[in-house]
C-alpha atoms as a PDB file:
ATOM      1  CA  UNK A   1     124.149  33.100 130.200  1.00  0.00           C
ATOM      2  CA  UNK A   2     126.974  33.766 127.791  1.00  0.00           C
ATOM      3  CA  UNK A   3     126.373  32.384 124.319  1.00  0.00           C
ATOM      4  CA  UNK A   4     127.473  28.792 123.325  1.00  0.00           C
ATOM      5  CA  UNK A   5     127.912  27.459 120.147  1.00  0.00           C
ATOM      6  CA  UNK A   6     126.779  23.412 119.778  1.00  0.00           C
ATOM      7  CA  UNK A   7     127.008  20.965 117.035  1.00  0.00           C
ATOM      8  CA  UNK A   8     123.965  18.589 117.314  1.00  0.00           C
ATOM      9  CA  UNK A   9     123.919  15.196 115.891  1.00  0.00           C
ATOM     10  CA  UNK A  10     121.555  12.685 115.961  1.00  0.00           C
ATOM     11  CA  UNK A  11     122.203  11.265 119.550  1.00  0.00           C
ATOM     12  CA  UNK A  12     119.751  13.590 122.194  1.00  0.00           C
ATOM     13  CA  UNK A  13     121.813  16.030 124.160  1.00  0.00           C
ATOM     14  CA  UNK A  14     120.298  18.149 126.875  1.00  0.00           C
ATOM     15  CA  UNK A  15     120.279  21.785 126.261  1.00  0.00           C
ATOM     16  CA  UNK A  16     118.676  23.295 129.296  1.00  0.00           C
ATOM     17  CA  UNK A  17     117.871  21.845 132.833  1.00  0.00           C
ATOM     18  CA  UNK A  18     114.735  23.690 133.614  1.00  0.00           C
ATOM     19  CA  UNK A  19     116.223  26.173 136.031  1.00  0.00           C
ATOM     20  CA  UNK A  20     116.629  29.400 133.624  1.00  0.00           C
ATOM     21  CA  UNK A  21     115.436  30.916 130.158  1.00  0.00           C
ATOM     22  CA  UNK A  22     117.339  30.814 127.057  1.00  0.00           C
ATOM     23  CA  UNK A  23     117.101  31.248 123.576  1.00  0.00           C
ATOM     24  CA  UNK A  24     118.254  28.674 120.914  1.00  0.00           C
ATOM     25  CA  UNK A  25     118.881  29.772 117.256  1.00  0.00           C
ATOM     26  CA  UNK A  26     119.603  27.286 114.898  1.00  0.00           C
ATOM     27  CA  UNK A  27     122.094  28.560 112.222  1.00  0.00           C
ATOM     28  CA  UNK A  28     122.415  25.521 110.221  1.00  0.00           C
ATOM     29  CA  UNK A  29     120.159  22.329 109.490  1.00  0.00           C
ATOM     30  CA  UNK A  30     117.344  21.318 111.355  1.00  0.00           C
ATOM     31  CA  UNK A  31     117.207  20.441 114.874  1.00  0.00           C
ATOM     32  CA  UNK A  32     114.737  18.276 116.790  1.00  0.00           C
ATOM     33  CA  UNK A  33     113.567  19.518 120.403  1.00  0.00           C
ATOM     34  CA  UNK A  34     111.758  17.784 122.925  1.00  0.00           C
ATOM     35  CA  UNK A  35     110.749  18.996 126.771  1.00  0.00           C
ATOM     36  CA  UNK A  36     111.443  15.908 128.875  1.00  0.00           C
ATOM     37  CA  UNK A  37     112.620  15.578 132.340  1.00  0.00           C
ATOM     38  CA  UNK A  38     114.987  12.427 131.295  1.00  0.00           C
ATOM     39  CA  UNK A  39     116.840  11.895 127.432  1.00  0.00           C
ATOM     40  CA  UNK A  40     114.235  10.855 125.270  1.00  0.00           C
ATOM     41  CA  UNK A  41     114.464   7.605 123.215  1.00  0.00           C
ATOM     42  CA  UNK A  42     116.820   7.873 120.611  1.00  0.00           C
ATOM     43  CA  UNK A  43     114.193   6.580 117.941  1.00  0.00           C
ATOM     44  CA  UNK A  44     111.440   9.442 118.829  1.00  0.00           C
ATOM     45  CA  UNK A  45     111.127  12.770 117.164  1.00  0.00           C
ATOM     46  CA  UNK A  46     111.247  15.990 118.363  1.00  0.00           C
ATOM     47  CA  UNK A  47     109.316  19.320 117.666  1.00  0.00           C
ATOM     48  CA  UNK A  48     111.635  20.251 114.212  1.00  0.00           C
ATOM     49  CA  UNK A  49     113.285  23.595 113.867  1.00  0.00           C
ATOM     50  CA  UNK A  50     115.066  24.537 110.861  1.00  0.00           C
ATOM     51  CA  UNK A  51     117.832  27.467 110.372  1.00  0.00           C
ATOM     52  CA  UNK A  52     117.344  30.244 110.964  1.00  0.00           C
ATOM     53  CA  UNK A  53     114.931  29.989 113.199  1.00  0.00           C
ATOM     54  CA  UNK A  54     114.808  30.647 117.068  1.00  0.00           C
ATOM     55  CA  UNK A  55     113.421  29.045 120.132  1.00  0.00           C
ATOM     56  CA  UNK A  56     112.341  30.480 123.618  1.00  0.00           C
ATOM     57  CA  UNK A  57     112.980  28.021 126.601  1.00  0.00           C
ATOM     58  CA  UNK A  58     111.452  29.257 129.942  1.00  0.00           C
ATOM     59  CA  UNK A  59     111.355  27.191 133.652  1.00  0.00           C
ATOM     60  CA  UNK A  60     110.595  24.683 133.948  1.00  0.00           C
ATOM     61  CA  UNK A  61     111.253  23.048 130.462  1.00  0.00           C
ATOM     62  CA  UNK A  62     113.986  20.693 130.350  1.00  0.00           C
ATOM     63  CA  UNK A  63     114.807  21.050 126.600  1.00  0.00           C
ATOM     64  CA  UNK A  64     116.773  18.159 125.024  1.00  0.00           C
ATOM     65  CA  UNK A  65     117.904  18.746 121.191  1.00  0.00           C
ATOM     66  CA  UNK A  66     119.132  16.550 118.231  1.00  0.00           C
ATOM     67  CA  UNK A  67     119.367  17.012 114.658  1.00  0.00           C
ATOM     68  CA  UNK A  68     117.053  15.357 112.497  1.00  0.00           C
ATOM     69  CA  UNK A  69     120.211  13.524 110.402  1.00  0.00           C
ATOM     70  CA  UNK A  70     123.653  14.806 110.306  1.00  0.00           C
ATOM     71  CA  UNK A  71     124.677  17.778 111.731  1.00  0.00           C
ATOM     72  CA  UNK A  72     122.706  20.906 113.012  1.00  0.00           C
ATOM     73  CA  UNK A  73     124.245  23.763 114.532  1.00  0.00           C
ATOM     74  CA  UNK A  74     122.959  25.941 117.452  1.00  0.00           C
ATOM     75  CA  UNK A  75     123.953  29.230 119.677  1.00  0.00           C
ATOM     76  CA  UNK A  76     122.422  28.879 122.925  1.00  0.00           C
ATOM     77  CA  UNK A  77     122.013  32.452 124.618  1.00  0.00           C
END
């Protein structure tokens, strides 16, 4: 997978679909991540990851991400 820059807001966004391994680097802000087959409810928290941390995701995880408030910038590789 080529690197992909994403900006997360407070709305849950699907990062992986469970078919491939990826690395996620949080480059600014704090992001919350959750493994879920469906979009998590808007008011639920996730596992917090602050910049400049890395997170590895492997199948069959279906990872969702959002910012903890404002925006969080990530790179997916």
